[in-house]
Amino acid sequence: MKNKFIVLAFVTTLLALLPTQDSQAQTKDYKVVFDLTSSDTADHHSLIRWLTGISKGNPNAQLEVVLYGKSLPLVTAGKSSFSNEVQALAKNKNISFRVCEIAMKRHELTKGDLLPGVGTVPDGIAEIVQKQSEGWGYIKAAR
C-alpha cells in the first residue's frame, strides 16, 4: 500500500509540472488584427477600450487595426472623436493603425489627412488575409 501511495504522489507531482493548455496559450505570441469598417463612434470607443485593455494586460501583444469602408473618420484629423487616444496608442511600438489606400482614394483622403502615427496599406482586406495567414487572430470590431 505504501508503494502505491508513493507512485501516486510521484505521478501527481509530475502531472502538476507539465505545461497545460492554458499555460501554453499564455506563452504563445499574442497577435491580433482588428477589422474596422464602421463609422459608429460606439464601435470606435469599444475598439479603443479593447486595445488599451489588451496592451495593459499583455504589453508584448502585437495589435493591428485595419480600417476601411466607413471607419476612416476614427483616424482622420479634424474628424476623429478619439484623436488623442488613437495618437497615444499609435505611439506604442506594438500597436498599429493601418488605413486601406483604396478606401482613402474613394473618400478623397491623403496620407496628410491622417492622424500622426497612422499608416497605410495598399489593400485593407489583403492586409487582414496576410495577417491571418501568418497566424494572427482576427476580430471584427463592431457591435
Protein backbone atom coordinates (compact mmCIF):
# COMPACT_ATOMS: atom_id res chain seq x y z
CA MET A 1 0.00 0.00 0.00
CA LYS A 2 2.87 2.36 0.86
CA ASN A 3 4.43 1.84 -2.62
CA LYS A 4 1.12 2.66 -4.33
CA PHE A 5 0.92 5.93 -2.37
CA ILE A 6 4.50 6.88 -3.35
CA VAL A 7 3.81 6.12 -7.03
CA LEU A 8 0.55 8.10 -6.92
CA ALA A 9 2.29 11.05 -5.26
CA PHE A 10 5.08 10.93 -7.88
CA VAL A 11 2.62 10.83 -10.81
CA THR A 12 0.54 13.66 -9.31
CA THR A 13 3.66 15.80 -8.88
CA LEU A 14 4.84 15.03 -12.41
CA LEU A 15 1.46 15.95 -13.90
CA ALA A 16 1.45 19.23 -11.97
CA LEU A 17 4.80 20.15 -13.53
CA LEU A 18 3.71 19.51 -17.12
CA PRO A 19 2.52 22.55 -19.06
CA THR A 20 -1.22 22.75 -19.51
CA GLN A 21 -3.12 24.10 -22.48
CA ASP A 22 -3.83 27.29 -20.54
CA SER A 23 -0.17 27.91 -19.69
CA GLN A 24 0.85 27.14 -23.27
CA ALA A 25 -1.74 29.60 -24.58
CA GLN A 26 -0.34 32.30 -22.30
CA THR A 27 3.22 31.80 -23.54
CA LYS A 28 2.39 31.88 -27.25
CA ASP A 29 2.69 35.08 -29.22
CA TYR A 30 -0.36 37.28 -28.83
CA LYS A 31 -1.06 38.80 -32.25
CA VAL A 32 -4.46 40.12 -33.27
CA VAL A 33 -5.65 42.05 -36.30
CA PHE A 34 -8.81 44.12 -35.79
CA ASP A 35 -11.09 44.73 -38.78
CA LEU A 36 -12.90 48.09 -38.53
CA THR A 37 -15.37 49.24 -41.19
CA SER A 38 -17.92 51.08 -39.07
CA SER A 39 -18.42 54.84 -38.74
CA ASP A 40 -20.25 54.28 -35.44
CA THR A 41 -18.37 56.06 -32.63
CA ALA A 42 -19.62 53.41 -30.18
CA ASP A 43 -17.64 50.85 -32.19
CA HIS A 44 -14.64 53.19 -32.19
CA HIS A 45 -14.90 53.56 -28.41
CA SER A 46 -15.09 49.78 -27.95
CA LEU A 47 -12.01 49.30 -30.13
CA ILE A 48 -10.03 51.90 -28.16
CA ARG A 49 -11.08 50.21 -24.90
CA TRP A 50 -10.02 46.76 -26.21
CA LEU A 51 -6.64 47.99 -27.42
CA THR A 52 -5.99 49.79 -24.14
CA GLY A 53 -7.01 46.80 -22.02
CA ILE A 54 -5.07 44.23 -24.03
CA SER A 55 -1.91 46.33 -24.15
CA LYS A 56 -2.03 46.91 -20.38
CA GLY A 57 -2.71 43.24 -19.63
CA ASN A 58 -0.15 41.96 -22.11
CA PRO A 59 2.43 44.64 -23.01
CA ASN A 60 4.05 42.34 -25.59
CA ALA A 61 0.80 41.77 -27.50
CA GLN A 62 1.02 42.79 -31.16
CA LEU A 63 -2.15 44.55 -32.25
CA GLU A 64 -3.03 45.96 -35.65
CA VAL A 65 -6.19 47.81 -36.61
CA VAL A 66 -7.05 47.76 -40.31
CA LEU A 67 -9.51 50.46 -41.31
CA TYR A 68 -11.54 50.64 -44.49
CA GLY A 69 -15.13 51.24 -45.53
CA LYS A 70 -16.76 53.95 -43.41
CA SER A 71 -14.32 53.74 -40.48
CA LEU A 72 -11.81 56.33 -41.69
CA PRO A 73 -13.10 59.22 -39.52
CA LEU A 74 -11.58 57.45 -36.48
CA VAL A 75 -8.09 58.26 -37.79
CA THR A 76 -8.80 61.41 -39.82
CA ALA A 77 -7.51 64.69 -38.38
CA GLY A 78 -10.35 67.05 -37.54
CA LYS A 79 -12.96 64.28 -37.68
CA SER A 80 -11.92 61.78 -35.02
CA SER A 81 -13.79 61.71 -31.72
CA PHE A 82 -10.83 59.80 -30.28
CA SER A 83 -7.82 61.54 -31.81
CA ASN A 84 -5.90 61.79 -28.51
CA GLU A 85 -6.49 58.12 -27.73
CA VAL A 86 -5.52 56.96 -31.24
CA GLN A 87 -2.33 59.02 -31.19
CA ALA A 88 -1.39 57.75 -27.73
CA LEU A 89 -2.00 54.12 -28.73
CA ALA A 90 -0.11 54.60 -32.03
CA LYS A 91 2.98 55.57 -30.00
CA ASN A 92 3.06 52.02 -28.62
CA LYS A 93 5.52 50.05 -30.77
CA ASN A 94 3.20 47.01 -30.62
CA ILE A 95 0.03 48.77 -31.79
CA SER A 96 -0.51 49.94 -35.35
CA PHE A 97 -3.34 51.60 -37.20
CA ARG A 98 -3.35 50.87 -40.96
CA VAL A 99 -5.73 52.53 -43.40
CA CYS A 100 -6.64 50.97 -46.73
CA GLU A 101 -5.34 53.19 -49.56
CA ILE A 102 -8.24 52.07 -51.78
CA ALA A 103 -10.71 53.40 -49.20
CA MET A 104 -8.68 56.59 -48.84
CA LYS A 105 -8.92 57.19 -52.58
CA ARG A 106 -12.67 56.54 -52.56
CA HIS A 107 -13.10 59.03 -49.68
CA GLU A 108 -10.69 61.52 -51.31
CA LEU A 109 -8.21 61.44 -48.42
CA THR A 110 -4.43 61.69 -48.50
CA LYS A 111 -1.85 60.46 -46.02
CA GLY A 112 -1.61 64.05 -44.80
CA ASP A 113 -5.24 63.84 -43.66
CA LEU A 114 -4.46 61.04 -41.21
CA LEU A 115 -3.59 61.46 -37.54
CA PRO A 116 0.11 61.30 -36.66
CA GLY A 117 1.29 57.71 -36.21
CA VAL A 118 -1.35 56.22 -38.51
CA GLY A 119 -0.02 54.30 -41.52
CA THR A 120 -1.49 52.90 -44.70
CA VAL A 121 -1.64 49.61 -46.57
CA PRO A 122 -2.38 49.20 -50.27
CA ASP A 123 -5.44 46.98 -49.65
CA GLY A 124 -7.10 46.55 -46.25
CA ILE A 125 -8.66 43.16 -46.94
CA ALA A 126 -5.40 41.80 -48.34
CA GLU A 127 -3.64 43.02 -45.17
CA ILE A 128 -6.10 41.13 -42.97
CA VAL A 129 -5.79 37.96 -45.04
CA GLN A 130 -1.99 38.21 -44.88
CA LYS A 131 -2.01 38.63 -41.10
CA GLN A 132 -4.30 35.63 -40.71
CA SER A 133 -2.02 33.52 -42.91
CA GLU A 134 0.82 34.48 -40.55
CA GLY A 135 -1.12 33.13 -37.58
CA TRP A 136 -2.66 36.36 -36.30
CA GLY A 137 -6.04 36.16 -34.61
CA TYR A 138 -8.93 38.10 -36.16
CA ILE A 139 -11.53 40.32 -34.52
CA LYS A 140 -14.31 42.14 -36.36
CA ALA A 141 -14.58 45.39 -34.40
CA ALA A 142 -18.31 46.03 -34.39
CA ARG A 143 -21.21 45.69 -32.01
